[in-house]
C-alpha cells in the first residue's frame, strides 16, 4: 500500500476512523500510523481523538475513537462519525 492510496481514500470519504482504515486497507494500525502522521505533517489530514463511545455498549475498540479528517483548504469537518457498533448486535 502506498501513501497516495490513503490520501485518495480520505479525500473521497472525507473522514474515517483508524478502524475503518485498517479494515479497508487490510493493514494494522502500526503500519498505517506512520503514513497518516506524514499526511498530518503535510497538512492534508487532521487527527481527532474522540472520547465519545457509540453509546450502546461502552466497550468499543480504541481504534474506532481515532478519526482522521481530510483537510479541504483551511478547514475540515468535525461532524461525528456514526460507526455501527460491532457490539450492538
N, C-alpha and C. Protein backbone atom coordinates (compact mmCIF):
# COMPACT_ATOMS: atom_id res chain seq x y z
N UNK A 1 0.84 -1.17 0.00
CA UNK A 1 0.00 0.00 0.00
C UNK A 1 0.89 1.24 0.00
N UNK A 2 0.44 2.24 -0.70
CA UNK A 2 1.23 3.45 -0.77
C UNK A 2 0.45 4.63 -0.19
N UNK A 3 1.16 5.66 0.13
CA UNK A 3 0.59 6.84 0.75
C UNK A 3 -0.53 7.45 -0.07
N UNK A 4 -0.38 7.45 -1.37
CA UNK A 4 -1.41 8.07 -2.23
C UNK A 4 -2.75 7.34 -2.13
N UNK A 5 -2.74 6.04 -1.86
CA UNK A 5 -3.99 5.31 -1.71
C UNK A 5 -4.75 5.77 -0.46
N UNK A 6 -4.03 6.00 0.61
CA UNK A 6 -4.65 6.51 1.83
C UNK A 6 -5.19 7.90 1.58
N UNK A 7 -4.38 8.71 0.94
CA UNK A 7 -4.77 10.09 0.63
C UNK A 7 -6.03 10.11 -0.23
N UNK A 8 -6.08 9.28 -1.25
CA UNK A 8 -7.24 9.22 -2.13
C UNK A 8 -8.47 8.76 -1.37
N UNK A 9 -8.32 7.73 -0.55
CA UNK A 9 -9.44 7.21 0.22
C UNK A 9 -10.02 8.30 1.14
N UNK A 10 -9.14 8.97 1.88
CA UNK A 10 -9.63 10.00 2.80
C UNK A 10 -10.23 11.19 2.06
N UNK A 11 -9.65 11.55 0.92
CA UNK A 11 -10.20 12.69 0.17
C UNK A 11 -11.59 12.36 -0.36
N UNK A 12 -11.83 11.11 -0.71
CA UNK A 12 -13.15 10.70 -1.20
C UNK A 12 -14.16 10.51 -0.07
N UNK A 13 -13.71 9.95 1.04
CA UNK A 13 -14.60 9.67 2.17
C UNK A 13 -14.83 10.90 3.04
N UNK A 14 -13.85 11.79 3.10
CA UNK A 14 -13.95 12.95 3.97
C UNK A 14 -13.37 12.70 5.35
N UNK A 15 -13.66 11.52 5.88
CA UNK A 15 -13.15 11.14 7.20
C UNK A 15 -13.30 9.64 7.38
N UNK A 16 -12.49 9.10 8.25
CA UNK A 16 -12.55 7.67 8.55
C UNK A 16 -11.87 7.42 9.89
N UNK A 17 -12.38 6.45 10.61
CA UNK A 17 -11.72 6.07 11.86
C UNK A 17 -10.52 5.20 11.53
N UNK A 18 -9.63 5.08 12.49
CA UNK A 18 -8.47 4.22 12.30
C UNK A 18 -8.92 2.78 12.02
N UNK A 19 -9.96 2.35 12.71
CA UNK A 19 -10.50 1.02 12.49
C UNK A 19 -11.02 0.83 11.07
N UNK A 20 -11.69 1.85 10.54
CA UNK A 20 -12.18 1.76 9.16
C UNK A 20 -11.03 1.68 8.17
N UNK A 21 -9.98 2.44 8.43
CA UNK A 21 -8.81 2.39 7.55
C UNK A 21 -8.14 1.02 7.62
N UNK A 22 -8.05 0.46 8.82
CA UNK A 22 -7.48 -0.88 8.97
C UNK A 22 -8.27 -1.90 8.15
N UNK A 23 -9.59 -1.83 8.24
CA UNK A 23 -10.43 -2.77 7.51
C UNK A 23 -10.34 -2.56 6.00
N UNK A 24 -10.38 -1.31 5.57
CA UNK A 24 -10.37 -1.03 4.13
C UNK A 24 -9.07 -1.49 3.48
N UNK A 25 -7.94 -1.17 4.12
CA UNK A 25 -6.64 -1.48 3.53
C UNK A 25 -6.07 -2.83 3.98
N UNK A 26 -6.75 -3.50 4.91
CA UNK A 26 -6.28 -4.80 5.43
C UNK A 26 -4.85 -4.68 5.96
N UNK A 27 -4.65 -3.62 6.75
CA UNK A 27 -3.33 -3.32 7.31
C UNK A 27 -3.51 -2.92 8.77
N UNK A 28 -2.56 -3.27 9.62
CA UNK A 28 -2.65 -2.93 11.04
C UNK A 28 -2.42 -1.43 11.27
N UNK A 29 -2.87 -0.97 12.42
CA UNK A 29 -2.68 0.44 12.77
C UNK A 29 -1.20 0.77 12.89
N UNK A 30 -0.37 -0.20 13.26
CA UNK A 30 1.08 0.04 13.36
C UNK A 30 1.68 0.39 12.01
N UNK A 31 1.14 -0.18 10.94
CA UNK A 31 1.64 0.13 9.60
C UNK A 31 1.02 1.43 9.07
N UNK A 32 -0.23 1.70 9.44
CA UNK A 32 -0.92 2.89 8.94
C UNK A 32 -0.44 4.18 9.62
N UNK A 33 -0.17 4.10 10.90
CA UNK A 33 0.14 5.30 11.69
C UNK A 33 1.26 6.17 11.11
N UNK A 34 2.41 5.62 10.71
CA UNK A 34 3.46 6.49 10.16
C UNK A 34 3.02 7.21 8.88
N UNK A 35 2.23 6.54 8.06
CA UNK A 35 1.76 7.17 6.83
C UNK A 35 0.75 8.27 7.13
N UNK A 36 -0.13 8.01 8.09
CA UNK A 36 -1.11 9.03 8.47
C UNK A 36 -0.42 10.23 9.12
N UNK A 37 0.61 9.96 9.91
CA UNK A 37 1.36 11.05 10.54
C UNK A 37 2.04 11.92 9.47
N UNK A 38 2.51 11.30 8.42
CA UNK A 38 3.13 12.06 7.32
C UNK A 38 2.10 12.97 6.66
N UNK A 39 0.88 12.47 6.45
CA UNK A 39 -0.18 13.29 5.86
C UNK A 39 -0.57 14.43 6.80
N UNK A 40 -0.52 14.16 8.10
CA UNK A 40 -0.80 15.22 9.08
C UNK A 40 0.27 16.30 9.00
N UNK A 41 1.54 15.90 8.95
CA UNK A 41 2.64 16.87 8.86
C UNK A 41 2.54 17.72 7.58
N UNK A 42 2.05 17.11 6.51
CA UNK A 42 1.89 17.84 5.25
C UNK A 42 0.66 18.74 5.26
N UNK A 43 -0.17 18.63 6.30
CA UNK A 43 -1.35 19.47 6.41
C UNK A 43 -2.54 18.97 5.61
N UNK A 44 -2.50 17.72 5.19
CA UNK A 44 -3.58 17.17 4.38
C UNK A 44 -4.64 16.44 5.21
N UNK A 45 -4.26 16.03 6.41
CA UNK A 45 -5.15 15.25 7.28
C UNK A 45 -5.10 15.84 8.68
N UNK A 46 -6.23 15.80 9.36
CA UNK A 46 -6.35 16.22 10.75
C UNK A 46 -6.78 15.01 11.57
N UNK A 47 -6.13 14.79 12.71
CA UNK A 47 -6.46 13.67 13.59
C UNK A 47 -7.23 14.18 14.79
N UNK A 48 -8.35 13.53 15.07
CA UNK A 48 -9.16 13.86 16.23
C UNK A 48 -9.34 12.59 17.05
N UNK A 49 -9.05 12.66 18.34
CA UNK A 49 -9.27 11.53 19.23
C UNK A 49 -10.53 11.84 20.02
N UNK A 50 -11.56 11.05 19.79
CA UNK A 50 -12.85 11.27 20.44
C UNK A 50 -12.91 10.52 21.76
N UNK A 51 -13.56 11.12 22.71
CA UNK A 51 -13.78 10.43 23.99
C UNK A 51 -15.18 9.85 24.03
N UNK A 52 -15.94 10.03 22.95
CA UNK A 52 -17.32 9.53 22.91
C UNK A 52 -17.38 8.12 22.37
N UNK A 53 -17.96 7.24 23.14
CA UNK A 53 -18.21 5.89 22.67
C UNK A 53 -19.51 5.90 21.90
N UNK A 54 -19.87 4.79 21.31
CA UNK A 54 -21.08 4.72 20.49
C UNK A 54 -22.33 4.94 21.33
N UNK A 55 -22.23 4.74 22.62
CA UNK A 55 -23.37 4.96 23.49
C UNK A 55 -24.18 3.72 23.80
N UNK A 56 -23.96 2.66 23.04
CA UNK A 56 -24.78 1.48 23.27
C UNK A 56 -24.07 0.38 24.05
N UNK A 57 -22.75 0.33 23.98
CA UNK A 57 -22.08 -0.79 24.64
C UNK A 57 -21.00 -0.36 25.63
N UNK A 58 -20.35 0.76 25.35
CA UNK A 58 -19.28 1.21 26.22
C UNK A 58 -17.99 0.43 26.08
N UNK A 59 -17.95 -0.54 25.17
CA UNK A 59 -16.72 -1.32 25.02
C UNK A 59 -16.18 -1.27 23.60
N UNK A 60 -16.38 -0.16 22.93
CA UNK A 60 -15.88 -0.02 21.56
C UNK A 60 -14.35 0.00 21.58
N UNK A 61 -13.78 -0.55 20.54
CA UNK A 61 -12.32 -0.60 20.43
C UNK A 61 -11.75 0.80 20.29
N UNK A 62 -10.59 1.05 20.87
CA UNK A 62 -9.98 2.39 20.80
C UNK A 62 -9.78 2.89 19.38
N UNK A 63 -9.52 2.00 18.43
CA UNK A 63 -9.28 2.45 17.06
C UNK A 63 -10.52 3.03 16.40
N UNK A 64 -11.70 2.80 16.99
CA UNK A 64 -12.90 3.42 16.44
C UNK A 64 -13.06 4.85 16.93
N UNK A 65 -12.27 5.24 17.93
CA UNK A 65 -12.36 6.58 18.50
C UNK A 65 -11.32 7.54 17.94
N UNK A 66 -10.43 7.06 17.08
CA UNK A 66 -9.43 7.91 16.43
C UNK A 66 -9.92 8.17 15.01
N UNK A 67 -10.23 9.43 14.73
CA UNK A 67 -10.81 9.80 13.45
C UNK A 67 -9.82 10.67 12.68
N UNK A 68 -9.66 10.36 11.40
CA UNK A 68 -8.82 11.14 10.51
C UNK A 68 -9.72 11.86 9.52
N UNK A 69 -9.56 13.19 9.42
CA UNK A 69 -10.35 14.03 8.53
C UNK A 69 -9.48 14.53 7.40
N UNK A 70 -10.03 14.51 6.21
CA UNK A 70 -9.35 15.10 5.06
C UNK A 70 -9.50 16.61 5.17
N UNK A 71 -8.40 17.35 5.06
CA UNK A 71 -8.42 18.80 5.17
C UNK A 71 -8.68 19.40 3.80
N UNK A 72 -9.73 20.21 3.72
CA UNK A 72 -10.07 20.90 2.48
C UNK A 72 -9.69 22.36 2.66
N UNK A 73 -8.58 22.76 2.10
CA UNK A 73 -8.11 24.12 2.27
C UNK A 73 -7.73 24.36 3.71
N UNK A 74 -8.37 25.36 4.34
CA UNK A 74 -8.06 25.70 5.72
C UNK A 74 -9.02 25.10 6.72
N UNK A 75 -10.00 24.33 6.25
CA UNK A 75 -10.98 23.83 7.20
C UNK A 75 -11.18 22.33 7.02
N UNK A 76 -11.78 21.73 8.01
CA UNK A 76 -12.13 20.32 7.93
C UNK A 76 -13.42 20.13 8.70
N UNK A 77 -14.14 19.09 8.39
CA UNK A 77 -15.41 18.80 9.03
C UNK A 77 -15.18 17.99 10.29
N UNK A 78 -15.82 18.40 11.37
CA UNK A 78 -15.74 17.64 12.61
C UNK A 78 -17.08 17.01 12.96
N UNK A 79 -17.94 16.84 11.96
CA UNK A 79 -19.20 16.16 12.22
C UNK A 79 -18.88 14.76 12.71
N UNK A 80 -19.58 14.32 13.74
CA UNK A 80 -19.26 13.00 14.29
C UNK A 80 -19.58 11.88 13.31
N UNK A 81 -18.70 10.90 13.30
CA UNK A 81 -18.99 9.68 12.56
C UNK A 81 -20.01 8.90 13.37
N UNK A 82 -20.84 8.16 12.71
CA UNK A 82 -21.72 7.28 13.45
C UNK A 82 -21.46 5.86 13.02
N UNK A 83 -20.31 5.33 13.44
CA UNK A 83 -19.98 3.97 13.04
C UNK A 83 -20.92 2.98 13.71
N UNK A 84 -21.22 1.94 13.00
CA UNK A 84 -22.05 0.89 13.60
C UNK A 84 -21.20 0.18 14.66
N UNK A 85 -21.75 0.11 15.81
CA UNK A 85 -21.03 -0.56 16.91
C UNK A 85 -21.08 -2.06 16.69
N UNK A 86 -19.93 -2.72 16.64
CA UNK A 86 -19.94 -4.17 16.42
C UNK A 86 -20.49 -4.96 17.61
N UNK A 87 -20.68 -4.28 18.74
CA UNK A 87 -21.14 -4.97 19.94
C UNK A 87 -22.65 -4.87 20.12
N UNK A 88 -23.34 -4.08 19.26
CA UNK A 88 -24.76 -3.85 19.47
C UNK A 88 -25.65 -4.83 18.72
N UNK A 89 -25.03 -5.84 18.12
CA UNK A 89 -25.73 -6.95 17.58
C UNK A 89 -26.38 -6.79 16.29
